[in-house]
Protein backbone atom coordinates (compact mmCIF):
# COMPACT_ATOMS: atom_id res chain seq x y z
CA MET A 1 0.43 -0.27 -0.09
CA THR A 2 1.28 3.49 -0.93
CA LEU A 3 2.00 6.30 1.56
CA ALA A 4 -0.71 8.37 -0.35
CA ARG A 5 -3.18 5.51 -0.17
CA LEU A 6 -2.50 5.12 3.79
CA TYR A 7 -2.80 9.03 4.20
CA ASP A 8 -6.54 8.93 2.67
CA ARG A 9 -7.30 6.14 4.72
CA LEU A 10 -6.52 7.89 7.63
CA VAL A 11 -8.40 11.25 6.54
CA ASN A 12 -11.61 9.63 5.70
CA LYS A 13 -10.97 7.56 8.87
CA LEU A 14 -10.85 10.64 11.34
CA ASN A 15 -13.43 12.90 9.13
CA GLY A 16 -15.94 10.34 10.17
CA VAL A 17 -15.09 10.45 13.77
CA PHE A 18 -15.52 13.95 13.88
CA LYS A 19 -18.73 13.89 11.85
CA ALA A 20 -20.18 11.49 14.64
CA PHE A 21 -18.67 13.43 16.90
CA PHE A 22 -20.38 16.56 15.85
CA LYS A 23 -23.46 14.86 15.39
CA GLN A 24 -23.83 15.63 19.43
CA GLN A 25 -25.93 18.62 20.13
CA PRO A 26 -23.77 21.49 20.76
CA SER A 27 -24.11 22.80 24.57
CA GLY A 28 -21.97 25.59 25.05
CA PRO A 29 -21.88 29.18 23.22
CA PRO A 30 -19.45 29.92 20.61
CA PRO A 31 -16.06 31.09 20.80
CA ILE A 32 -15.74 34.80 21.12
CA ILE A 33 -14.17 37.10 18.27
CA ALA A 34 -14.65 40.46 19.25
CA ASP A 35 -13.08 41.60 15.57
CA LEU A 36 -15.75 39.99 13.88
CA LEU A 37 -18.60 43.18 12.59
CA PRO A 38 -21.81 42.40 13.76
CA ASP A 39 -24.87 40.39 11.82
CA ASN A 40 -27.74 41.56 10.52
CA PRO A 41 -30.14 39.89 8.26
CA LEU A 42 -30.09 43.23 6.32
CA TRP A 43 -26.47 41.94 4.94
CA ASP A 44 -25.46 38.87 3.47
CA GLU A 45 -22.43 37.89 5.48
CA GLN A 46 -22.52 36.47 8.88
CA GLY A 47 -19.16 37.09 11.19
CA LEU A 48 -17.52 39.42 8.55
CA LEU A 49 -13.88 39.93 9.49
CA PRO A 50 -12.84 43.23 8.16
CA SER A 51 -10.37 42.91 5.47
CA THR A 52 -7.61 44.73 7.49
CA ARG A 53 -8.04 42.19 10.35
CA ALA A 54 -7.48 39.14 7.66
CA PHE A 55 -3.57 39.38 7.88
CA ASP A 56 -2.95 39.18 11.80
CA PRO A 57 -3.34 36.52 14.21
CA LEU A 58 -6.84 36.33 15.02
CA PRO A 59 -7.62 36.92 18.84
CA VAL A 60 -10.06 34.64 20.18
CA ALA A 61 -11.77 34.10 23.95
CA ILE A 62 -13.62 31.22 24.97
CA PRO A 63 -16.17 31.43 27.15
CA ALA A 64 -15.85 29.88 30.68
CA TRP A 65 -17.61 27.14 31.49
CA PRO A 66 -18.99 25.63 35.04
CA TYR A 67 -15.57 23.73 35.45
CA GLU A 68 -15.41 21.23 38.26
CA PRO A 69 -12.14 19.51 39.14
CA GLY A 70 -11.31 15.61 39.52
CA PRO A 71 -9.46 13.30 41.60
CA PHE A 72 -7.05 12.14 38.10
CA GLY A 73 -7.37 12.81 34.53
CA GLU A 74 -6.91 15.95 32.67
CA THR A 75 -9.56 18.75 31.07
CA VAL A 76 -8.56 19.01 27.64
CA LEU A 77 -9.85 22.55 25.36
CA ARG A 78 -9.49 21.69 21.88
CA VAL A 79 -10.49 24.44 19.46
CA TYR A 80 -11.12 23.63 15.20
CA TRP A 81 -11.24 25.64 12.21
CA ASP A 82 -13.74 24.54 9.64
CA THR A 83 -14.76 21.36 11.89
CA ILE A 84 -11.78 19.47 11.50
CA THR A 85 -8.66 21.62 11.68
CA LEU A 86 -7.36 21.77 15.05
CA VAL A 87 -5.81 25.34 15.76
CA HIS A 88 -5.45 25.50 19.62
CA GLU A 89 -5.11 22.58 22.66
CA LYS A 90 -4.92 23.20 25.98
CA THR A 91 -4.38 20.60 28.84
CA TRP A 92 -5.06 21.23 32.42
CA SER A 93 -4.30 18.95 35.27
CA ALA A 94 -7.80 17.29 36.90
CA ASP A 95 -6.83 18.49 40.46
CA LEU A 96 -6.81 22.25 39.18
CA PRO A 97 -9.32 24.01 41.75
CA SER A 98 -9.98 26.85 38.67
CA LEU A 99 -9.06 27.62 35.23
CA PRO A 100 -6.96 31.11 34.93
CA PRO A 101 -9.16 33.43 32.55
CA GLN A 102 -5.73 34.33 30.13
CA ASP A 103 -5.64 30.53 29.10
CA LEU A 104 -9.03 30.83 27.60
CA LEU A 105 -7.24 33.51 25.78
CA PHE A 106 -5.38 32.95 22.40
CA GLU A 107 -4.28 33.83 18.66
CA MET A 108 -5.38 31.89 16.07
CA PRO A 109 -2.22 32.21 13.08
CA ALA A 110 -3.61 34.34 10.26
CA SER A 111 -2.28 31.54 7.68
CA TYR A 112 -5.67 29.92 8.42
CA LEU A 113 -7.91 33.35 7.54
CA VAL A 114 -7.83 32.42 3.48
CA ALA A 115 -10.96 34.25 1.79
CA GLY A 116 -14.25 32.39 2.31
CA ALA A 117 -16.88 31.33 4.73
CA HIS A 118 -15.79 29.26 7.72
CA VAL A 119 -16.68 28.13 11.21
CA MET A 120 -14.63 28.04 14.50
CA LEU A 121 -16.18 25.82 17.89
CA TYR A 122 -14.09 24.45 20.53
CA GLU A 123 -14.70 20.81 22.11
CA VAL A 124 -14.15 20.13 26.00
CA THR A 125 -13.49 17.31 27.33
CA ASP A 126 -13.51 16.78 31.20
CA TRP A 127 -11.32 14.71 33.77
CA ALA A 128 -14.07 11.93 33.20
CA GLY A 129 -13.40 11.38 29.59
CA ASN A 130 -16.99 13.32 28.92
CA PRO A 131 -16.84 15.15 26.09
CA TRP A 132 -19.24 18.35 24.80
CA HIS A 133 -18.88 21.03 22.10
CA SER A 134 -19.82 24.83 21.32
CA PHE A 135 -22.28 26.08 18.58
CA PRO A 136 -19.84 26.88 15.80
CA GLN A 137 -19.01 30.48 15.34
CA PRO A 138 -19.40 31.95 11.58
CA VAL A 139 -16.44 33.39 10.34
CA THR A 140 -16.65 34.82 6.92
CA VAL A 141 -13.02 36.41 5.35
CA ASP A 142 -13.72 38.60 2.30
CA LEU A 143 -11.02 39.71 0.42
CA THR A 144 -12.70 40.42 -3.22
CA PRO A 145 -13.31 44.33 -3.38
CA PRO A 146 -16.03 46.02 -6.02
CA ILE A 147 -14.80 45.92 -9.58
CA LEU A 148 -16.22 49.17 -11.39
CA GLY A 149 -18.06 48.49 -14.53
CA ASP A 150 -17.27 49.68 -18.15
CA ASN A 151 -14.99 53.14 -18.71
CA GLN A 152 -13.97 52.41 -15.54
CA GLY A 153 -16.75 53.18 -13.96
CA ARG A 154 -17.21 56.67 -15.24
CA LEU A 155 -20.16 58.49 -13.57
CA ARG A 156 -23.00 59.40 -16.42
CA PHE A 157 -24.41 62.58 -16.35
CA ASP A 158 -27.37 64.20 -18.61
CA THR A 159 -24.94 67.38 -19.05
CA SER A 160 -21.44 68.02 -19.49
CA GLN A 161 -22.24 71.95 -18.46
CA ILE A 162 -23.88 73.28 -15.22
CA THR A 163 -25.29 76.51 -15.24
CA ALA A 164 -27.69 78.50 -12.78
CA GLU A 165 -30.04 78.05 -15.12
CA TYR A 166 -29.72 74.41 -15.24
CA LEU A 167 -29.88 74.27 -11.65
CA GLU A 168 -32.73 76.27 -11.24
CA SER A 169 -35.20 74.03 -13.62
CA ASN A 170 -33.57 70.71 -11.94
CA GLY A 171 -34.40 71.08 -8.60
CA ASP A 172 -30.78 72.81 -7.63
CA LYS A 173 -29.25 69.29 -8.00
CA VAL A 174 -27.39 67.45 -10.47
CA ASP A 175 -27.68 63.82 -10.68
CA ALA A 176 -25.51 61.43 -11.60
CA TRP A 177 -25.78 57.52 -12.31
CA ILE A 178 -23.27 54.39 -11.59
CA ASP A 179 -24.84 52.32 -14.39
CA SER A 180 -23.02 49.17 -13.11
CA TYR A 181 -20.47 47.39 -11.05
CA ARG A 182 -19.27 43.59 -10.07
CA GLY A 183 -19.34 41.66 -6.90
CA GLY A 184 -21.99 44.29 -5.53
CA LYS A 185 -23.40 43.48 -1.88
CA PRO A 186 -26.06 44.68 0.59
CA GLY A 187 -23.97 47.00 2.85
CA ASP A 188 -21.17 48.02 -0.04
CA VAL A 189 -20.89 52.23 0.27
CA VAL A 190 -20.21 54.53 -2.31
CA THR A 191 -18.48 57.68 -1.67
CA TRP A 192 -18.59 60.68 -4.04
CA TYR A 193 -16.18 63.08 -4.99
CA TRP A 194 -16.22 66.66 -6.22
CA SER A 195 -12.67 68.43 -7.32
CA GLU A 196 -10.77 70.52 -8.86
CA THR A 197 -8.53 68.07 -10.40
CA PRO A 198 -8.56 65.25 -12.08
CA PHE A 199 -5.64 63.50 -10.81
CA TYR A 200 -5.22 63.93 -7.25
CA MET A 201 -7.93 62.67 -4.63
CA ASP A 202 -8.31 64.03 -1.32
CA ASP A 203 -10.90 63.18 1.74
CA ARG A 204 -11.98 67.06 1.34
CA ASP A 205 -13.41 66.38 -1.82
CA ILE A 206 -15.68 64.01 -0.52
CA VAL A 207 -19.59 65.44 -1.37
CA SER A 208 -21.36 62.27 0.37
CA GLN A 209 -21.29 58.90 1.01
CA ARG A 210 -24.45 55.97 0.66
CA LEU A 211 -24.99 52.86 2.65
CA LEU A 212 -26.25 50.14 -0.01
CA TYR A 213 -28.97 48.07 0.46
CA GLN A 214 -30.67 45.46 -1.55
CA ALA A 215 -32.60 47.19 -3.20
CA ASP A 216 -30.52 49.33 -3.83
CA LEU A 217 -28.62 47.22 -6.04
CA VAL A 218 -30.36 47.86 -9.05
CA PHE A 219 -28.70 49.81 -11.49
CA PRO A 220 -28.70 52.27 -12.39
CA ILE A 221 -27.46 53.69 -8.89
CA MET A 222 -28.58 57.33 -8.55
CA LEU A 223 -26.09 59.93 -6.64
CA SER A 224 -26.60 63.62 -6.46
CA PHE A 225 -24.49 66.84 -6.50
CA THR A 226 -26.47 69.25 -4.25
CA GLY A 227 -26.50 73.34 -6.17
CA GLY A 228 -25.27 74.23 -2.91
CA MET A 229 -22.23 72.53 -2.67
CA ILE A 230 -21.64 73.06 -6.65
CA ARG A 231 -21.72 77.10 -5.88
CA ALA A 232 -19.62 76.72 -2.86
CA GLY A 233 -17.21 74.89 -4.97
CA GLY A 234 -17.19 77.83 -7.28
CA ASP A 235 -17.01 78.05 -11.13
CA GLY A 236 -14.50 76.69 -13.51
CA ASP A 237 -13.69 72.94 -14.61
CA ARG A 238 -14.68 70.53 -12.27
CA TYR A 239 -14.25 66.58 -11.68
CA ALA A 240 -16.78 64.07 -10.31
CA PHE A 241 -15.86 60.28 -9.52
CA TYR A 242 -16.54 57.83 -6.86
CA ARG A 243 -15.14 54.56 -4.78
CA LEU A 244 -16.59 52.10 -3.30
CA ALA A 245 -15.80 49.96 -0.43
CA ASP A 246 -17.95 46.73 0.39
CA ARG A 247 -18.76 45.61 4.66
CA ALA A 248 -15.46 44.09 5.14
CA GLY A 249 -13.77 47.77 4.03
CA ASN A 250 -12.51 46.48 0.67
CA LEU A 251 -11.67 49.33 -1.61
CA SER A 252 -12.15 49.78 -5.11
CA ASN A 253 -10.49 51.99 -7.52
CA PHE A 254 -11.52 55.21 -8.26
CA SER A 255 -13.68 55.78 -10.92
CA LEU A 256 -12.57 57.48 -14.04
CA VAL A 257 -13.45 61.25 -13.31
CA ALA A 258 -16.44 62.54 -15.45
CA PRO A 259 -15.41 66.44 -16.41
CA LEU A 260 -17.86 69.37 -16.21
CA ALA A 261 -17.69 72.98 -17.08
CA VAL A 262 -19.36 74.84 -14.29
CA GLN A 263 -20.83 78.35 -14.56
CA VAL A 264 -23.34 78.82 -11.74
CA GLN A 265 -22.26 81.97 -9.45
CA PRO A 266 -24.32 84.78 -10.93
CA LEU A 267 -23.37 87.24 -13.32
CA PRO A 268 -22.63 90.64 -11.90
CA ARG A 269 -25.31 93.02 -12.49
CA TYR A 270 -24.95 96.58 -13.43
CA LEU A 271 -28.05 98.71 -12.84
CA PRO A 272 -27.50 102.13 -13.95
CA SER A 273 -30.39 104.75 -13.50
CA PRO A 274 -33.16 104.89 -16.04
CA SER A 275 -33.89 107.66 -18.34
CA VAL A 276 -37.75 109.30 -19.18
CA ALA A 277 -37.93 109.75 -22.58
CA GLU A 278 -40.41 112.97 -22.50
CA ALA A 279 -37.89 114.55 -19.97
CA SER A 280 -35.06 117.09 -20.77
CA SER A 281 -31.68 115.54 -18.91
CA SER A 282 -29.97 117.46 -16.70
CA SER A 283 -27.79 114.35 -16.01
CA SER A 284 -28.18 110.61 -16.42
CA SER A 285 -29.38 110.45 -13.20
CA SER A 286 -31.91 113.30 -12.76
CA SER A 287 -34.42 115.46 -15.32
CA THR A 288 -37.19 117.59 -15.30
CA LEU A 289 -40.73 116.39 -17.58
CA ASP A 290 -42.80 119.40 -18.42
CA PRO A 291 -46.37 117.64 -18.50
CA SER A 292 -47.41 119.40 -21.65
CA GLN A 293 -44.99 117.12 -23.15
CA ALA A 294 -46.83 113.92 -21.52
CA SER A 295 -50.66 114.05 -22.39
CA ARG A 296 -50.38 110.14 -23.49
CA GLY A 297 -47.92 109.43 -20.80
CA VAL A 298 -44.15 108.70 -20.96
CA THR A 299 -41.51 106.23 -21.48
CA VAL A 300 -39.24 105.14 -18.76
CA VAL A 301 -36.06 103.78 -20.72
CA ILE A 302 -33.60 101.20 -19.21
CA PRO A 303 -30.15 101.78 -20.59
CA ALA A 304 -28.77 99.74 -23.15
CA ASP A 305 -25.57 98.75 -21.42
CA ALA A 306 -27.41 97.72 -18.29
CA GLN A 307 -26.06 94.01 -17.11
CA LEU A 308 -28.71 91.94 -16.79
CA ARG A 309 -28.71 88.35 -15.87
CA PRO A 310 -30.65 85.75 -18.56
CA ASP A 311 -33.31 85.07 -16.80
CA ASP A 312 -34.00 88.55 -14.63
CA VAL A 313 -37.85 90.08 -15.29
CA LEU A 314 -37.73 93.47 -15.64
CA SER A 315 -40.34 95.84 -13.91
CA VAL A 316 -40.40 100.00 -13.79
CA GLN A 317 -41.88 101.66 -10.44
CA TRP A 318 -42.97 104.93 -11.27
CA ALA A 319 -42.69 107.23 -7.36
CA THR A 320 -42.62 105.62 -4.51
CA PRO A 321 -44.66 102.27 -3.78
CA GLY A 322 -48.38 103.05 -2.14
CA THR A 323 -48.04 107.00 -2.52
CA GLU A 324 -51.04 108.11 -4.75
CA GLY A 325 -50.02 108.42 -8.21
CA ALA A 326 -47.20 105.89 -7.94
CA TYR A 327 -47.37 102.98 -10.96
CA HIS A 328 -45.51 99.88 -11.10
CA SER A 329 -45.38 99.17 -14.74
CA THR A 330 -44.82 95.39 -16.48
CA ASN A 331 -45.68 96.28 -20.23
CA ALA A 332 -42.29 96.61 -22.28
CA ASP A 333 -42.17 97.10 -26.00
CA ALA A 334 -40.64 94.59 -27.92
CA SER A 335 -36.62 95.38 -26.80
CA GLY A 336 -37.72 94.84 -23.05
CA LEU A 337 -36.01 97.96 -22.06
CA ARG A 338 -39.02 100.83 -23.02
CA PHE A 339 -41.64 101.18 -20.17
CA SER A 340 -44.99 102.73 -20.88
CA ILE A 341 -46.21 104.83 -17.98
CA PRO A 342 -49.98 106.03 -18.62
CA PRO A 343 -51.25 109.49 -18.59
CA ALA A 344 -53.08 109.24 -15.56
CA PHE A 345 -50.13 108.92 -13.42
CA ILE A 346 -48.38 112.39 -14.36
CA SER A 347 -50.75 115.20 -12.86
CA GLN A 348 -50.50 113.66 -9.42
CA HIS A 349 -46.98 114.56 -9.01
CA MET A 350 -46.90 118.12 -10.33
CA GLY A 351 -44.31 119.86 -7.87
CA LYS A 352 -42.82 117.53 -6.82
CA HIS A 353 -39.63 115.29 -7.21
CA ILE A 354 -40.54 111.37 -7.31
CA PRO A 355 -37.85 108.68 -7.93
CA VAL A 356 -38.52 106.65 -11.19
CA TYR A 357 -36.11 103.07 -11.14
CA TYR A 358 -36.33 99.75 -12.25
CA GLN A 359 -36.37 96.18 -10.61
CA VAL A 360 -35.65 92.62 -11.31
CA ALA A 361 -37.15 89.82 -10.14
CA GLY A 362 -35.99 86.29 -9.55
CA SER A 363 -34.03 84.18 -6.88
CA ASP A 364 -31.66 87.32 -6.13
CA PRO A 365 -34.39 90.94 -6.61
CA ALA A 366 -32.34 93.82 -6.97
CA ILE A 367 -33.43 97.64 -7.95
CA SER A 368 -31.79 100.09 -10.28
CA GLU A 369 -29.76 103.30 -9.00
CA LEU A 370 -32.43 106.20 -8.83
CA HIS A 371 -33.51 108.27 -10.92
CA ASP A 372 -34.99 111.82 -9.84
CA LEU A 373 -37.43 113.13 -11.64
CA THR A 374 -38.74 116.30 -11.35
CA VAL A 375 -42.56 117.08 -12.81
CA GLN A 376 -42.98 120.89 -13.22
CA PHE A 377 -46.79 122.08 -12.89
CA LEU A 378 -48.41 123.33 -16.31
CA SER A 379 -47.83 126.55 -17.30
CA SER A 380 -51.01 128.79 -16.34
CA SER A 381 -51.55 129.60 -19.93
CA LYS A 382 -52.10 125.80 -20.81
CA TRP A 383 -55.46 125.52 -18.08
CA PRO A 384 -58.61 126.71 -19.42
CA THR A 385 -59.86 129.98 -17.99
CA VAL A 386 -63.30 129.52 -16.17
CA GLN A 387 -66.32 130.86 -18.66
CA CYS A 388 -69.75 132.65 -17.38
CA THR A 389 -71.95 130.73 -19.48
CA ARG A 390 -75.55 131.91 -17.37
CA PRO A 391 -76.79 134.57 -18.22
CA ALA A 392 -75.05 134.35 -21.78
CA GLY A 393 -72.80 136.70 -23.89
CA VAL A 394 -70.84 137.75 -20.97
CA VAL A 395 -67.19 138.97 -21.79
CA ALA A 396 -66.33 141.69 -19.51
CA GLN A 397 -68.92 142.64 -17.15
CA LEU A 398 -71.73 140.40 -15.46
CA SER A 399 -74.71 142.45 -15.08
CA LEU A 400 -77.13 141.59 -11.94
CA ALA A 401 -80.25 142.73 -14.65
CA ARG A 402 -79.49 139.83 -16.57
CA ILE A 403 -79.20 137.45 -13.79
CA VAL A 404 -82.66 135.41 -13.55
CA SER A 405 -82.28 133.85 -10.06
CA TYR A 406 -78.46 132.13 -10.65
CA ALA A 407 -75.71 132.54 -12.73
CA THR A 408 -73.90 130.05 -13.87
CA PHE A 409 -69.83 129.46 -13.91
CA SER A 410 -68.52 126.47 -16.20
CA LEU A 411 -65.06 124.85 -16.18
CA ALA A 412 -64.06 123.32 -19.74
CA ARG A 413 -61.78 120.02 -19.72
CA TRP A 414 -58.47 120.58 -18.63
CA ALA A 415 -55.40 118.50 -19.08
CA PHE A 416 -55.26 115.51 -17.25
CA MET A 417 -58.58 115.94 -15.76
CA ALA A 418 -59.96 112.72 -14.24
CA PRO A 419 -62.34 111.47 -11.27
CA GLY A 420 -60.96 112.44 -7.67
CA GLN A 421 -59.17 115.78 -8.56
CA ARG A 422 -60.54 118.63 -6.37
CA VAL A 423 -61.67 122.13 -7.67
CA THR A 424 -62.21 125.23 -6.07
CA ILE A 425 -63.69 128.31 -7.66
CA THR A 426 -63.52 131.39 -5.63
CA LEU A 427 -65.35 135.24 -6.23
CA LEU A 428 -63.34 138.12 -5.48
CA GLY A 429 -64.45 141.51 -5.28
CA VAL A 430 -63.69 144.83 -3.32
CA GLY A 431 -64.24 144.04 0.27
CA HIS A 432 -65.58 140.81 -0.08
CA THR A 433 -64.71 136.88 -0.96
CA GLN A 434 -67.21 134.21 -1.58
CA VAL A 435 -66.00 130.70 -2.22
CA ILE A 436 -68.71 129.07 -4.61
CA LEU A 437 -67.14 125.63 -5.13
CA ASP A 438 -65.10 124.15 -1.95
CA GLY A 439 -63.01 121.33 -2.89
CA TYR A 440 -65.51 119.70 -4.98
CA VAL A 441 -64.47 116.07 -5.88
CA VAL A 442 -64.76 115.91 -9.90
CA GLN A 443 -66.88 113.01 -10.66
CA ALA A 444 -66.59 110.78 -13.70
CA GLY A 445 -69.67 112.50 -15.23
CA ASP A 446 -68.06 115.30 -15.28
CA VAL A 447 -65.13 114.15 -17.27
CA SER A 448 -67.50 112.48 -19.48
CA ALA A 449 -69.19 116.38 -19.79
CA SER A 450 -65.80 117.75 -19.76
CA LYS A 451 -66.46 120.13 -18.01
CA VAL A 452 -67.30 121.31 -14.29
CA THR A 453 -69.93 123.62 -13.70
CA VAL A 454 -71.47 125.50 -10.63
CA ASP A 455 -74.60 127.93 -10.19
CA VAL A 456 -74.52 130.66 -8.04
CA PRO A 457 -77.48 131.92 -6.38
CA LYS A 458 -78.37 136.12 -7.72
CA ASN A 459 -78.38 136.76 -3.87
CA THR A 460 -74.62 136.19 -3.59
CA PHE A 461 -73.45 138.73 -6.17
CA LEU A 462 -75.33 141.43 -3.68
CA ALA A 463 -72.45 141.50 -1.27
CA PHE A 464 -70.28 142.60 -4.00
CA THR A 465 -69.67 146.72 -5.02
CA ILE A 466 -71.24 147.69 -8.25
CA ASN A 467 -68.93 148.93 -10.68
CA GLN A 468 -66.03 146.74 -9.21
CA ALA A 469 -63.84 144.31 -10.43
CA LEU A 470 -65.00 140.97 -9.71
CA VAL A 471 -62.03 137.89 -10.40
CA VAL A 472 -63.64 134.59 -10.92
CA GLN A 473 -60.45 132.46 -9.22
CA VAL A 474 -59.87 128.49 -9.85
CA LYS A 475 -57.36 126.60 -8.27
CA VAL A 476 -57.61 122.57 -9.28
CA SER A 477 -55.52 120.17 -6.71
CA PHE A 478 -54.66 116.75 -8.73
CA ALA A 479 -53.26 115.11 -5.20
CA SER A 480 -54.08 114.99 -1.73
CA ASP A 481 -50.62 115.98 -0.73
CA ALA A 482 -49.87 118.16 -3.39
CA THR A 483 -50.05 121.86 -3.45
CA PRO A 484 -52.93 122.73 -6.13
CA ALA A 485 -52.64 124.40 -9.56
CA ASN A 486 -53.84 128.31 -10.04
CA PHE A 487 -55.65 127.97 -13.17
CA PRO A 488 -56.30 131.65 -15.38
CA SER A 489 -58.69 133.91 -13.51
CA LEU A 490 -61.65 134.87 -15.24
CA ASN A 491 -61.86 139.08 -14.47
CA LEU A 492 -64.94 140.78 -14.99
CA THR A 493 -66.69 143.62 -13.69
CA LEU A 494 -69.67 143.80 -11.63
CA VAL A 495 -72.53 146.33 -13.03
CA ALA A 496 -76.22 146.77 -12.12
């Protein structure tokens, strides 16, 4: 019989002995291997050993059991790897009163820590020859890192240029995808990076990490780069990549970098003051408006050299918001730089200085430099003169004899006439003054009729001196806080 055949017979016989022995029910707790990672139903492996500990002797602690000394013989501890490989043996004399705790500690040589799934258990034989063994402790040694997919695992993006507009239309983030990798298991961790260089990898470039569960291992795997992180990193050429690690700590190579051109910082704005097309300018930031040039409204012009962002939405503010006669215009012409102000918002500002400016709306609103506009009063000669229309034919003299019951004064339609304006008409004579229309509020019917009229009873005139001047004075207020405009007076002589 050859030596090889003799060896095979011996091994087979020993296997039979061990199989028979381990058919007994285990009765002791498993060995304690502190280096093992905690088990969890979420992960595939049991008793996973960190890869960094797979090249050093493995510390093992055998739980103390209810030891009893005996009159003779020995107590024997045997520790087995993969059921049959004896990796540690310790013998104590039966008369030893207790087992020293340090005797239950040992280190298994690293040579046994080959890749794969293993078990460790121990057998105790007491002084009387009665054996029992422990439950097995699974030990998994994983030395194989995840393997990147095609194209060295480079991330897939749906764009190569990241702009502020892209972020705004994509939820303020950029998504990328890992199309595949090999050797993926629950518990893998993907770490992704954002760098200014394609050649230097640094932990400071880490964007985030993600623990992958079984449900995540459905490709592609999506990773997100937030807009805040991208903006904080500044504009320019940037490089995105990732690395995989399994639960044991085996690391893949870094993926091939994905180059991206980033332009997300807000473009600088230049918002010089606007101008008013119908006004005469003394400088770029101030001008004077003659209301006679604004009978059809005015046009506020945004300078052509204003620097705006692509998504800026423009509007013009005429006078301080909330004040009488203020107007917010969103009505631009085809150029987008000329905004109309209707004539109904001119007269309230006569005799005043008002601010005129434009504003941009969006995520970063701003207003332009202010334009200081002086709105003049319309010259008195351009207002209508009140007339006496009853009795008819009054030109220079008003005769008491011709007044039947009352006289009527009429103020014809004036520029910018509108409901809400206030009209005051006063009779001025020698030694006597009489207000005949006191702050009358112009009505829509007056505007439709193109005039305001007032009837004055005949006896009102009896208080004035005959053959003396009678002046009909008119003031019109265009805003509640404005100085009234003086209209031309009607100069008459009151006669008998």
